[in-house]
PDB file of N, CA and C in Angstrom:
ATOM      1  N   UNK A   1       0.083  -1.206  -0.221  1.00  0.00           N
ATOM      2  CA  UNK A   1      -0.124  -0.134  -0.220  1.00  0.00           C
ATOM      3  C   UNK A   1       0.629   1.740   0.344  1.00  0.00           C
ATOM      4  N   UNK A   2       0.810   2.314  -0.835  1.00  0.00           N
ATOM      5  CA  UNK A   2       1.123   3.158  -1.300  1.00  0.00           C
ATOM      6  C   UNK A   2       0.950   4.424  -0.158  1.00  0.00           C
ATOM      7  N   UNK A   3       1.466   5.238   0.839  1.00  0.00           N
ATOM      8  CA  UNK A   3       1.393   6.498   0.940  1.00  0.00           C
ATOM      9  C   UNK A   3       0.695   7.649  -0.278  1.00  0.00           C
ATOM     10  N   UNK A   4      -0.748   8.436   0.103  1.00  0.00           N
ATOM     11  CA  UNK A   4      -1.049   9.016  -0.645  1.00  0.00           C
ATOM     12  C   UNK A   4      -1.464  10.895  -0.240  1.00  0.00           C
ATOM     13  N   UNK A   5      -1.241  11.309  -0.514  1.00  0.00           N
ATOM     14  CA  UNK A   5      -2.004  12.168  -0.076  1.00  0.00           C
ATOM     15  C   UNK A   5      -2.466  13.699  -0.980  1.00  0.00           C
ATOM     16  N   UNK A   6      -4.333  14.214  -0.511  1.00  0.00           N
ATOM     17  CA  UNK A   6      -4.768  14.564  -1.897  1.00  0.00           C
ATOM     18  C   UNK A   6      -3.638  15.235  -1.660  1.00  0.00           C
ATOM     19  N   UNK A   7      -3.897  16.333  -3.371  1.00  0.00           N
ATOM     20  CA  UNK A   7      -3.438  17.185  -3.792  1.00  0.00           C
ATOM     21  C   UNK A   7      -5.095  18.557  -4.330  1.00  0.00           C
ATOM     22  N   UNK A   8      -4.648  19.230  -3.392  1.00  0.00           N
ATOM     23  CA  UNK A   8      -5.886  20.167  -4.123  1.00  0.00           C
ATOM     24  C   UNK A   8      -5.780  21.086  -5.275  1.00  0.00           C
ATOM     25  N   UNK A   9      -7.076  21.197  -6.377  1.00  0.00           N
ATOM     26  CA  UNK A   9      -6.517  22.144  -7.598  1.00  0.00           C
ATOM     27  C   UNK A   9      -6.426  23.507  -6.843  1.00  0.00           C
ATOM     28  N   UNK A  10      -7.185  23.617  -6.497  1.00  0.00           N
ATOM     29  CA  UNK A  10      -7.036  24.947  -5.771  1.00  0.00           C
ATOM     30  C   UNK A  10      -6.568  25.429  -4.059  1.00  0.00           C
ATOM     31  N   UNK A  11      -5.560  25.892  -4.175  1.00  0.00           N
ATOM     32  CA  UNK A  11      -5.397  26.178  -2.231  1.00  0.00           C
ATOM     33  C   UNK A  11      -5.910  27.069  -1.861  1.00  0.00           C
ATOM     34  N   UNK A  12      -6.369  27.966  -2.632  1.00  0.00           N
ATOM     35  CA  UNK A  12      -7.018  29.232  -1.761  1.00  0.00           C
ATOM     36  C   UNK A  12      -8.611  29.152  -1.714  1.00  0.00           C
ATOM     37  N   UNK A  13      -9.165  27.932  -2.253  1.00  0.00           N
ATOM     38  CA  UNK A  13     -10.750  27.543  -1.467  1.00  0.00           C
ATOM     39  C   UNK A  13     -10.984  26.316  -0.366  1.00  0.00           C
ATOM     40  N   UNK A  14      -9.265  26.799   0.487  1.00  0.00           N
ATOM     41  CA  UNK A  14      -9.417  25.981   1.029  1.00  0.00           C
ATOM     42  C   UNK A  14      -9.256  26.453   2.476  1.00  0.00           C
ATOM     43  N   UNK A  15     -10.706  26.838   3.541  1.00  0.00           N
ATOM     44  CA  UNK A  15     -10.032  27.556   4.724  1.00  0.00           C
ATOM     45  C   UNK A  15      -9.610  26.781   6.110  1.00  0.00           C
ATOM     46  N   UNK A  16      -9.302  26.746   6.533  1.00  0.00           N
ATOM     47  CA  UNK A  16      -8.629  25.825   7.788  1.00  0.00           C
ATOM     48  C   UNK A  16      -9.099  25.562   8.694  1.00  0.00           C
ATOM     49  N   UNK A  17      -9.704  24.814   9.229  1.00  0.00           N
ATOM     50  CA  UNK A  17     -10.411  24.114  10.331  1.00  0.00           C
ATOM     51  C   UNK A  17      -9.949  24.478  11.479  1.00  0.00           C
ATOM     52  N   UNK A  18     -10.619  25.444  12.576  1.00  0.00           N
ATOM     53  CA  UNK A  18     -10.267  25.644  13.823  1.00  0.00           C
ATOM     54  C   UNK A  18     -10.424  25.033  15.497  1.00  0.00           C
ATOM     55  N   UNK A  19     -11.281  24.574  14.793  1.00  0.00           N
ATOM     56  CA  UNK A  19     -12.282  24.174  16.598  1.00  0.00           C
ATOM     57  C   UNK A  19     -14.110  23.535  16.019  1.00  0.00           C
ATOM     58  N   UNK A  20     -13.788  22.171  16.508  1.00  0.00           N
ATOM     59  CA  UNK A  20     -14.296  20.842  16.154  1.00  0.00           C
ATOM     60  C   UNK A  20     -14.797  20.884  14.374  1.00  0.00           C
ATOM     61  N   UNK A  21     -14.216  21.188  13.626  1.00  0.00           N
ATOM     62  CA  UNK A  21     -14.657  21.566  12.630  1.00  0.00           C
ATOM     63  C   UNK A  21     -14.840  22.500  11.327  1.00  0.00           C
ATOM     64  N   UNK A  22     -14.852  23.424  12.039  1.00  0.00           N
ATOM     65  CA  UNK A  22     -15.340  24.383  11.880  1.00  0.00           C
ATOM     66  C   UNK A  22     -14.703  25.652  10.998  1.00  0.00           C
ATOM     67  N   UNK A  23     -14.570  26.284  10.026  1.00  0.00           N
ATOM     68  CA  UNK A  23     -13.463  27.032   9.852  1.00  0.00           C
ATOM     69  C   UNK A  23     -13.932  28.409  10.075  1.00  0.00           C
ATOM     70  N   UNK A  24     -13.326  29.863  10.336  1.00  0.00           N
ATOM     71  CA  UNK A  24     -13.370  30.821  10.943  1.00  0.00           C
ATOM     72  C   UNK A  24     -14.607  31.507  10.589  1.00  0.00           C
ATOM     73  N   UNK A  25     -14.425  31.318   9.495  1.00  0.00           N
ATOM     74  CA  UNK A  25     -16.182  31.792   8.685  1.00  0.00           C
ATOM     75  C   UNK A  25     -17.721  31.205   9.789  1.00  0.00           C
ATOM     76  N   UNK A  26     -17.068  29.573   9.767  1.00  0.00           N
ATOM     77  CA  UNK A  26     -18.283  28.995  10.588  1.00  0.00           C
ATOM     78  C   UNK A  26     -18.960  29.259  11.534  1.00  0.00           C
ATOM     79  N   UNK A  27     -17.606  28.903  12.291  1.00  0.00           N
ATOM     80  CA  UNK A  27     -17.269  29.012  14.004  1.00  0.00           C
ATOM     81  C   UNK A  27     -18.061  30.605  14.337  1.00  0.00           C
ATOM     82  N   UNK A  28     -18.001  31.975  13.497  1.00  0.00           N
ATOM     83  CA  UNK A  28     -17.948  32.868  13.798  1.00  0.00           C
ATOM     84  C   UNK A  28     -19.829  33.372  13.570  1.00  0.00           C
ATOM     85  N   UNK A  29     -20.167  32.319  12.599  1.00  0.00           N
ATOM     86  CA  UNK A  29     -21.945  32.364  12.088  1.00  0.00           C
ATOM     87  C   UNK A  29     -22.390  31.503  13.397  1.00  0.00           C
ATOM     88  N   UNK A  30     -21.759  30.601  13.938  1.00  0.00           N
ATOM     89  CA  UNK A  30     -22.087  29.896  14.583  1.00  0.00           C
ATOM     90  C   UNK A  30     -22.884  30.767  15.970  1.00  0.00           C
ATOM     91  N   UNK A  31     -21.421  31.206  16.809  1.00  0.00           N
ATOM     92  CA  UNK A  31     -21.403  32.478  17.453  1.00  0.00           C
ATOM     93  C   UNK A  31     -22.576  33.382  17.480  1.00  0.00           C
ATOM     94  N   UNK A  32     -22.113  34.110  15.865  1.00  0.00           N
ATOM     95  CA  UNK A  32     -23.181  35.302  15.641  1.00  0.00           C
ATOM     96  C   UNK A  32     -25.149  34.184  15.903  1.00  0.00           C
ATOM     97  N   UNK A  33     -25.036  33.318  15.223  1.00  0.00           N
ATOM     98  CA  UNK A  33     -26.809  32.456  15.425  1.00  0.00           C
ATOM     99  C   UNK A  33     -26.774  32.031  16.371  1.00  0.00           C
ATOM    100  N   UNK A  34     -26.081  32.097  18.089  1.00  0.00           N
ATOM    101  CA  UNK A  34     -26.487  31.558  18.863  1.00  0.00           C
ATOM    102  C   UNK A  34     -26.787  33.284  19.515  1.00  0.00           C
ATOM    103  N   UNK A  35     -25.597  34.485  19.445  1.00  0.00           N
ATOM    104  CA  UNK A  35     -26.912  35.337  20.596  1.00  0.00           C
ATOM    105  C   UNK A  35     -27.528  35.778  19.239  1.00  0.00           C
ATOM    106  N   UNK A  36     -27.796  36.188  18.105  1.00  0.00           N
ATOM    107  CA  UNK A  36     -29.082  36.540  17.641  1.00  0.00           C
ATOM    108  C   UNK A  36     -29.774  35.334  17.711  1.00  0.00           C
ATOM    109  N   UNK A  37     -29.726  34.496  17.187  1.00  0.00           N
ATOM    110  CA  UNK A  37     -31.410  33.521  17.313  1.00  0.00           C
ATOM    111  C   UNK A  37     -31.617  33.152  18.946  1.00  0.00           C
ATOM    112  N   UNK A  38     -30.424  32.677  19.824  1.00  0.00           N
ATOM    113  CA  UNK A  38     -30.944  32.441  21.067  1.00  0.00           C
ATOM    114  C   UNK A  38     -31.197  33.616  21.897  1.00  0.00           C
ATOM    115  N   UNK A  39     -30.489  34.677  21.789  1.00  0.00           N
ATOM    116  CA  UNK A  39     -30.906  35.459  22.933  1.00  0.00           C
ATOM    117  C   UNK A  39     -32.847  36.245  22.455  1.00  0.00           C
ATOM    118  N   UNK A  40     -32.959  36.309  20.566  1.00  0.00           N
ATOM    119  CA  UNK A  40     -33.902  36.506  20.346  1.00  0.00           C
ATOM    120  C   UNK A  40     -35.198  35.842  20.465  1.00  0.00           C
ATOM    121  N   UNK A  41     -34.329  34.269  20.897  1.00  0.00           N
ATOM    122  CA  UNK A  41     -35.833  33.749  21.267  1.00  0.00           C
ATOM    123  C   UNK A  41     -36.203  33.346  23.069  1.00  0.00           C
ATOM    124  N   UNK A  42     -34.946  33.582  23.341  1.00  0.00           N
ATOM    125  CA  UNK A  42     -35.131  33.921  25.066  1.00  0.00           C
ATOM    126  C   UNK A  42     -36.096  35.358  25.349  1.00  0.00           C
ATOM    127  N   UNK A  43     -35.921  35.786  24.990  1.00  0.00           N
ATOM    128  CA  UNK A  43     -36.101  37.349  25.414  1.00  0.00           C
ATOM    129  C   UNK A  43     -37.492  37.212  24.359  1.00  0.00           C
ATOM    130  N   UNK A  44     -38.133  36.905  23.079  1.00  0.00           N
ATOM    131  CA  UNK A  44     -39.538  36.426  23.036  1.00  0.00           C
ATOM    132  C   UNK A  44     -40.213  36.084  23.565  1.00  0.00           C
ATOM    133  N   UNK A  45     -39.136  34.634  23.922  1.00  0.00           N
ATOM    134  CA  UNK A  45     -40.623  33.310  24.932  1.00  0.00           C
ATOM    135  C   UNK A  45     -40.367  34.141  26.621  1.00  0.00           C
ATOM    136  N   UNK A  46     -39.399  34.194  26.844  1.00  0.00           N
ATOM    137  CA  UNK A  46     -39.080  35.016  28.702  1.00  0.00           C
ATOM    138  C   UNK A  46     -39.338  36.075  29.017  1.00  0.00           C
ATOM    139  N   UNK A  47     -39.155  37.087  27.845  1.00  0.00           N
ATOM    140  CA  UNK A  47     -39.941  38.686  28.293  1.00  0.00           C
ATOM    141  C   UNK A  47     -40.525  38.569  28.006  1.00  0.00           C
ATOM    142  N   UNK A  48     -41.444  39.121  26.355  1.00  0.00           N
ATOM    143  CA  UNK A  48     -42.848  38.801  26.307  1.00  0.00           C
ATOM    144  C   UNK A  48     -43.593  38.093  26.353  1.00  0.00           C
ATOM    145  N   UNK A  49     -43.362  36.180  27.502  1.00  0.00           N
ATOM    146  CA  UNK A  49     -44.353  35.443  27.058  1.00  0.00           C
ATOM    147  C   UNK A  49     -44.767  34.996  25.794  1.00  0.00           C
ATOM    148  N   UNK A  50     -44.536  35.264  24.689  1.00  0.00           N
ATOM    149  CA  UNK A  50     -45.129  34.561  22.950  1.00  0.00           C
ATOM    150  C   UNK A  50     -44.580  33.117  24.000  1.00  0.00           C
ATOM    151  N   UNK A  51     -45.857  32.497  22.348  1.00  0.00           N
ATOM    152  CA  UNK A  51     -45.269  31.314  22.025  1.00  0.00           C
ATOM    153  C   UNK A  51     -44.547  30.486  21.741  1.00  0.00           C
ATOM    154  N   UNK A  52     -43.866  29.431  21.707  1.00  0.00           N
ATOM    155  CA  UNK A  52     -43.099  29.009  21.387  1.00  0.00           C
ATOM    156  C   UNK A  52     -42.501  28.404  20.269  1.00  0.00           C
ATOM    157  N   UNK A  53     -43.685  28.548  19.623  1.00  0.00           N
ATOM    158  CA  UNK A  53     -43.640  27.993  18.728  1.00  0.00           C
ATOM    159  C   UNK A  53     -42.728  28.965  17.612  1.00  0.00           C
ATOM    160  N   UNK A  54     -44.088  29.552  17.273  1.00  0.00           N
ATOM    161  CA  UNK A  54     -43.864  31.375  16.838  1.00  0.00           C
ATOM    162  C   UNK A  54     -43.218  31.973  17.319  1.00  0.00           C
ATOM    163  N   UNK A  55     -41.852  32.237  18.595  1.00  0.00           N
ATOM    164  CA  UNK A  55     -41.067  32.678  18.532  1.00  0.00           C
ATOM    165  C   UNK A  55     -39.678  32.108  18.446  1.00  0.00           C
ATOM    166  N   UNK A  56     -39.759  30.400  17.674  1.00  0.00           N
ATOM    167  CA  UNK A  56     -38.806  29.642  17.318  1.00  0.00           C
ATOM    168  C   UNK A  56     -39.386  30.638  14.780  1.00  0.00           C
ATOM    169  N   UNK A  57     -40.327  30.609  14.731  1.00  0.00           N
ATOM    170  CA  UNK A  57     -40.592  30.674  13.393  1.00  0.00           C
ATOM    171  C   UNK A  57     -40.014  32.000  13.603  1.00  0.00           C
ATOM    172  N   UNK A  58     -40.861  33.431  14.659  1.00  0.00           N
ATOM    173  CA  UNK A  58     -39.801  34.939  14.119  1.00  0.00           C
ATOM    174  C   UNK A  58     -38.034  34.965  13.748  1.00  0.00           C
ATOM    175  N   UNK A  59     -37.653  33.567  14.696  1.00  0.00           N
ATOM    176  CA  UNK A  59     -36.122  33.909  15.060  1.00  0.00           C
ATOM    177  C   UNK A  59     -36.166  33.478  14.071  1.00  0.00           C
ATOM    178  N   UNK A  60     -36.470  32.532  12.827  1.00  0.00           N
ATOM    179  CA  UNK A  60     -35.373  31.629  12.130  1.00  0.00           C
ATOM    180  C   UNK A  60     -35.774  33.058  11.472  1.00  0.00           C
ATOM    181  N   UNK A  61     -36.034  33.341  10.763  1.00  0.00           N
ATOM    182  CA  UNK A  61     -35.918  34.561   9.911  1.00  0.00           C
ATOM    183  C   UNK A  61     -34.195  35.642   9.684  1.00  0.00           C
ATOM    184  N   UNK A  62     -34.374  36.063  11.298  1.00  0.00           N
ATOM    185  CA  UNK A  62     -32.525  36.675  10.579  1.00  0.00           C
ATOM    186  C   UNK A  62     -32.099  35.495  10.990  1.00  0.00           C
ATOM    187  N   UNK A  63     -31.906  33.845  11.324  1.00  0.00           N
ATOM    188  CA  UNK A  63     -30.701  33.352  11.110  1.00  0.00           C
ATOM    189  C   UNK A  63     -30.816  32.603   9.750  1.00  0.00           C
ATOM    190  N   UNK A  64     -31.722  32.575   8.661  1.00  0.00           N
ATOM    191  CA  UNK A  64     -31.033  32.447   7.677  1.00  0.00           C
ATOM    192  C   UNK A  64     -30.640  32.914   6.452  1.00  0.00           C
ATOM    193  N   UNK A  65     -30.460  33.714   6.471  1.00  0.00           N
ATOM    194  CA  UNK A  65     -29.074  35.045   5.617  1.00  0.00           C
ATOM    195  C   UNK A  65     -27.341  34.200   6.857  1.00  0.00           C
ATOM    196  N   UNK A  66     -27.897  34.517   8.320  1.00  0.00           N
ATOM    197  CA  UNK A  66     -26.569  34.282   8.635  1.00  0.00           C
ATOM    198  C   UNK A  66     -25.606  32.650   8.760  1.00  0.00           C
ATOM    199  N   UNK A  67     -26.808  32.041   8.126  1.00  0.00           N
ATOM    200  CA  UNK A  67     -26.159  30.737   8.326  1.00  0.00           C
ATOM    201  C   UNK A  67     -25.555  30.693   6.438  1.00  0.00           C
ATOM    202  N   UNK A  68     -26.174  31.176   6.287  1.00  0.00           N
ATOM    203  CA  UNK A  68     -26.162  31.397   4.189  1.00  0.00           C
ATOM    204  C   UNK A  68     -24.790  31.248   4.447  1.00  0.00           C
ATOM    205  N   UNK A  69     -24.571  32.833   5.427  1.00  0.00           N
ATOM    206  CA  UNK A  69     -23.079  32.925   4.907  1.00  0.00           C
ATOM    207  C   UNK A  69     -22.166  32.351   5.695  1.00  0.00           C
ATOM    208  N   UNK A  70     -22.729  31.247   6.910  1.00  0.00           N
ATOM    209  CA  UNK A  70     -21.497  31.080   7.236  1.00  0.00           C
ATOM    210  C   UNK A  70     -21.353  29.014   6.679  1.00  0.00           C
ATOM    211  N   UNK A  71     -22.367  29.304   5.657  1.00  0.00           N
ATOM    212  CA  UNK A  71     -22.041  27.889   5.030  1.00  0.00           C
ATOM    213  C   UNK A  71     -22.193  27.726   3.647  1.00  0.00           C
ATOM    214  N   UNK A  72     -22.758  28.146   3.035  1.00  0.00           N
ATOM    215  CA  UNK A  72     -22.936  28.370   1.619  1.00  0.00           C
ATOM    216  C   UNK A  72     -21.957  29.162   0.825  1.00  0.00           C
ATOM    217  N   UNK A  73     -21.221  27.849  -0.014  1.00  0.00           N
ATOM    218  CA  UNK A  73     -20.582  28.873  -1.094  1.00  0.00           C
ATOM    219  C   UNK A  73     -20.913  28.620  -2.778  1.00  0.00           C
ATOM    220  N   UNK A  74     -21.590  29.463  -2.927  1.00  0.00           N
ATOM    221  CA  UNK A  74     -22.441  29.520  -4.073  1.00  0.00           C
ATOM    222  C   UNK A  74     -21.279  29.238  -5.174  1.00  0.00           C
ATOM    223  N   UNK A  75     -21.239  28.739  -5.910  1.00  0.00           N
ATOM    224  CA  UNK A  75     -20.066  28.422  -7.479  1.00  0.00           C
ATOM    225  C   UNK A  75     -18.490  28.751  -6.672  1.00  0.00           C
ATOM    226  N   UNK A  76     -18.429  27.733  -5.479  1.00  0.00           N
ATOM    227  CA  UNK A  76     -17.868  27.884  -4.813  1.00  0.00           C
ATOM    228  C   UNK A  76     -16.552  29.478  -4.921  1.00  0.00           C
ATOM    229  N   UNK A  77     -17.606  30.408  -4.459  1.00  0.00           N
ATOM    230  CA  UNK A  77     -17.243  31.540  -4.061  1.00  0.00           C
ATOM    231  C   UNK A  77     -17.114  31.704  -2.568  1.00  0.00           C
ATOM    232  N   UNK A  78     -16.437  32.673  -1.698  1.00  0.00           N
ATOM    233  CA  UNK A  78     -17.088  33.241  -0.751  1.00  0.00           C
ATOM    234  C   UNK A  78     -18.206  33.763  -1.188  1.00  0.00           C
ATOM    235  N   UNK A  79     -19.322  34.183   0.044  1.00  0.00           N
ATOM    236  CA  UNK A  79     -20.864  34.747  -0.344  1.00  0.00           C
ATOM    237  C   UNK A  79     -20.284  36.426  -0.801  1.00  0.00           C
ATOM    238  N   UNK A  80     -19.207  36.947  -0.014  1.00  0.00           N
ATOM    239  CA  UNK A  80     -19.389  38.600   0.121  1.00  0.00           C
ATOM    240  C   UNK A  80     -18.587  38.890  -2.050  1.00  0.00           C
ATOM    241  N   UNK A  81     -18.177  37.523  -1.751  1.00  0.00           N
ATOM    242  CA  UNK A  81     -17.055  37.888  -3.931  1.00  0.00           C
ATOM    243  C   UNK A  81     -18.422  37.308  -4.421  1.00  0.00           C
ATOM    244  N   UNK A  82     -19.473  36.859  -3.777  1.00  0.00           N
ATOM    245  CA  UNK A  82     -20.338  36.018  -4.745  1.00  0.00           C
ATOM    246  C   UNK A  82     -21.359  37.240  -5.341  1.00  0.00           C
ATOM    247  N   UNK A  83     -21.545  37.313  -3.657  1.00  0.00           N
ATOM    248  CA  UNK A  83     -22.427  39.229  -3.976  1.00  0.00           C
ATOM    249  C   UNK A  83     -22.070  40.201  -4.653  1.00  0.00           C
ATOM    250  N   UNK A  84     -20.630  39.875  -4.459  1.00  0.00           N
ATOM    251  CA  UNK A  84     -20.166  41.591  -5.540  1.00  0.00           C
ATOM    252  C   UNK A  84     -20.950  41.630  -6.869  1.00  0.00           C
ATOM    253  N   UNK A  85     -20.386  39.966  -7.891  1.00  0.00           N
ATOM    254  CA  UNK A  85     -20.660  39.670  -8.862  1.00  0.00           C
ATOM    255  C   UNK A  85     -21.989  39.709  -9.415  1.00  0.00           C
ATOM    256  N   UNK A  86     -22.689  38.963  -8.171  1.00  0.00           N
ATOM    257  CA  UNK A  86     -24.431  39.469  -7.979  1.00  0.00           C
ATOM    258  C   UNK A  86     -24.801  40.801  -8.265  1.00  0.00           C
ATOM    259  N   UNK A  87     -24.523  41.866  -8.071  1.00  0.00           N
ATOM    260  CA  UNK A  87     -24.442  43.156  -7.792  1.00  0.00           C
ATOM    261  C   UNK A  87     -23.563  43.877  -8.661  1.00  0.00           C
ATOM    262  N   UNK A  88     -23.305  43.771  -9.820  1.00  0.00           N
ATOM    263  CA  UNK A  88     -22.275  44.583 -11.032  1.00  0.00           C
ATOM    264  C   UNK A  88     -23.157  43.617 -11.841  1.00  0.00           C
ATOM    265  N   UNK A  89     -23.396  42.231 -11.667  1.00  0.00           N
ATOM    266  CA  UNK A  89     -24.833  41.615 -13.082  1.00  0.00           C
ATOM    267  C   UNK A  89     -26.080  42.292 -13.061  1.00  0.00           C
ATOM    268  N   UNK A  90     -26.269  42.943 -11.948  1.00  0.00           N
ATOM    269  CA  UNK A  90     -27.830  43.250 -12.443  1.00  0.00           C
ATOM    270  C   UNK A  90     -27.438  44.760 -11.755  1.00  0.00           C
ATOM    271  N   UNK A  91     -26.957  45.924 -11.823  1.00  0.00           N
ATOM    272  CA  UNK A  91     -26.984  47.201 -11.841  1.00  0.00           C
ATOM    273  C   UNK A  91     -25.658  47.703 -13.236  1.00  0.00           C
ATOM    274  N   UNK A  92     -24.592  46.708 -13.266  1.00  0.00           N
ATOM    275  CA  UNK A  92     -24.269  47.286 -14.946  1.00  0.00           C
ATOM    276  C   UNK A  92     -24.573  45.895 -15.909  1.00  0.00           C
ATOM    277  N   UNK A  93     -24.832  47.045 -17.367  1.00  0.00           N
ATOM    278  CA  UNK A  93     -25.134  46.130 -18.459  1.00  0.00           C
ATOM    279  C   UNK A  93     -24.777  46.853 -19.101  1.00  0.00           C
ATOM    280  N   UNK A  94     -24.183  45.723 -19.424  1.00  0.00           N
ATOM    281  CA  UNK A  94     -22.713  46.004 -20.443  1.00  0.00           C
ATOM    282  C   UNK A  94     -22.332  44.557 -21.755  1.00  0.00           C
ATOM    283  N   UNK A  95     -23.015  44.895 -22.872  1.00  0.00           N
ATOM    284  CA  UNK A  95     -22.541  44.129 -23.460  1.00  0.00           C
ATOM    285  C   UNK A  95     -21.386  43.833 -24.294  1.00  0.00           C
ATOM    286  N   UNK A  96     -21.193  41.967 -24.032  1.00  0.00           N
ATOM    287  CA  UNK A  96     -19.513  41.708 -24.143  1.00  0.00           C
ATOM    288  C   UNK A  96     -19.181  40.659 -25.459  1.00  0.00           C
ATOM    289  N   UNK A  97     -18.898  41.662 -25.752  1.00  0.00           N
ATOM    290  CA  UNK A  97     -18.622  40.105 -27.397  1.00  0.00           C
ATOM    291  C   UNK A  97     -17.136  39.371 -27.767  1.00  0.00           C
ATOM    292  N   UNK A  98     -16.730  38.849 -28.699  1.00  0.00           N
ATOM    293  CA  UNK A  98     -16.196  37.724 -28.028  1.00  0.00           C
ATOM    294  C   UNK A  98     -15.024  38.174 -28.684  1.00  0.00           C
ATOM    295  N   UNK A  99     -14.613  39.607 -29.447  1.00  0.00           N
ATOM    296  CA  UNK A  99     -13.370  40.468 -28.993  1.00  0.00           C
ATOM    297  C   UNK A  99     -13.008  41.329 -28.437  1.00  0.00           C
ATOM    298  N   UNK A 100     -13.385  41.325 -27.155  1.00  0.00           N
ATOM    299  CA  UNK A 100     -13.668  42.307 -26.102  1.00  0.00           C
ATOM    300  C   UNK A 100     -15.045  43.207 -25.473  1.00  0.00           C
ATOM    301  N   UNK A 101     -14.682  43.644 -24.977  1.00  0.00           N
ATOM    302  CA  UNK A 101     -16.495  45.021 -24.684  1.00  0.00           C
ATOM    303  C   UNK A 101     -16.845  45.823 -25.552  1.00  0.00           C
ATOM    304  N   UNK A 102     -17.640  45.952 -26.270  1.00  0.00           N
ATOM    305  CA  UNK A 102     -18.750  46.357 -26.663  1.00  0.00           C
ATOM    306  C   UNK A 102     -17.934  47.750 -27.294  1.00  0.00           C
ATOM    307  N   UNK A 103     -17.944  48.642 -28.408  1.00  0.00           N
ATOM    308  CA  UNK A 103     -17.678  49.892 -28.127  1.00  0.00           C
ATOM    309  C   UNK A 103     -18.716  50.092 -29.486  1.00  0.00           C
ATOM    310  N   UNK A 104     -18.829  51.877 -28.980  1.00  0.00           N
ATOM    311  CA  UNK A 104     -19.630  52.351 -30.206  1.00  0.00           C
ATOM    312  C   UNK A 104     -18.808  51.917 -31.302  1.00  0.00           C
ATOM    313  N   UNK A 105     -20.017  52.201 -32.583  1.00  0.00           N
ATOM    314  CA  UNK A 105     -19.631  52.085 -33.833  1.00  0.00           C
ATOM    315  C   UNK A 105     -19.263  53.524 -34.410  1.00  0.00           C
ATOM    316  N   UNK A 106     -17.257  53.847 -34.866  1.00  0.00           N
ATOM    317  CA  UNK A 106     -16.859  54.995 -35.673  1.00  0.00           C
ATOM    318  C   UNK A 106     -16.836  55.178 -36.887  1.00  0.00           C
ATOM    319  N   UNK A 107     -17.606  55.357 -37.533  1.00  0.00           N
ATOM    320  CA  UNK A 107     -16.967  56.055 -38.795  1.00  0.00           C
ATOM    321  C   UNK A 107     -16.302  56.818 -39.472  1.00  0.00           C
ATOM    322  N   UNK A 108     -15.350  56.716 -40.660  1.00  0.00           N
ATOM    323  CA  UNK A 108     -14.446  58.106 -40.376  1.00  0.00           C
ATOM    324  C   UNK A 108     -14.945  58.898 -40.802  1.00  0.00           C
ATOM    325  N   UNK A 109     -15.070  60.345 -41.439  1.00  0.00           N
ATOM    326  CA  UNK A 109     -15.477  61.208 -42.353  1.00  0.00           C
ATOM    327  C   UNK A 109     -15.409  60.850 -43.560  1.00  0.00           C
ATOM    328  N   UNK A 110     -13.949  60.539 -43.985  1.00  0.00           N
ATOM    329  CA  UNK A 110     -14.054  60.384 -44.995  1.00  0.00           C
ATOM    330  C   UNK A 110     -13.708  59.337 -45.366  1.00  0.00           C
ATOM    331  N   UNK A 111     -13.389  58.615 -46.977  1.00  0.00           N
ATOM    332  CA  UNK A 111     -14.010  57.386 -46.589  1.00  0.00           C
ATOM    333  C   UNK A 111     -11.697  57.571 -46.951  1.00  0.00           C
ATOM    334  N   UNK A 112     -10.955  55.955 -46.139  1.00  0.00           N
ATOM    335  CA  UNK A 112      -9.699  55.741 -46.304  1.00  0.00           C
ATOM    336  C   UNK A 112      -9.274  55.729 -47.988  1.00  0.00           C
ATOM    337  N   UNK A 113      -7.653  55.343 -47.894  1.00  0.00           N
ATOM    338  CA  UNK A 113      -7.034  54.751 -49.857  1.00  0.00           C
ATOM    339  C   UNK A 113      -7.868  53.208 -49.478  1.00  0.00           C
ATOM    340  N   UNK A 114      -7.287  52.454 -48.548  1.00  0.00           N
ATOM    341  CA  UNK A 114      -8.824  51.203 -48.529  1.00  0.00           C
ATOM    342  C   UNK A 114      -9.805  50.667 -49.322  1.00  0.00           C
ATOM    343  N   UNK A 115     -11.109  51.986 -49.074  1.00  0.00           N
ATOM    344  CA  UNK A 115     -12.044  51.594 -49.189  1.00  0.00           C
ATOM    345  C   UNK A 115     -12.349  52.729 -50.719  1.00  0.00           C
ATOM    346  N   UNK A 116     -12.111  53.224 -51.171  1.00  0.00           N
ATOM    347  CA  UNK A 116     -11.824  54.386 -52.421  1.00  0.00           C
ATOM    348  C   UNK A 116     -12.057  52.495 -53.206  1.00  0.00           C
TER     349      UNK A 116
END
């Protein structure tokens, strides 16, 4: 049996695991989820006396974007890099052709020697 070591194609896509198999991003998201959702749930149930199920559904709403930031990797990109591409796609409408970005067509005032 030969000793084998996996070699990743893109080294920048690897995030180091710092605690219990979580990366820094996932660990930060887990702490933020515990503070926002756990604190919100405790405040709604014990502070306002809300029903347990209703409070669970209300704290689920701010928890989804936090969890998506921590664990989702759309197209293999970090969420903030992906958000820049999505923002640019919807705000900047440019037409790209095979030979580069589209430029306004300019016609010379006089025909050149080759065109005559």
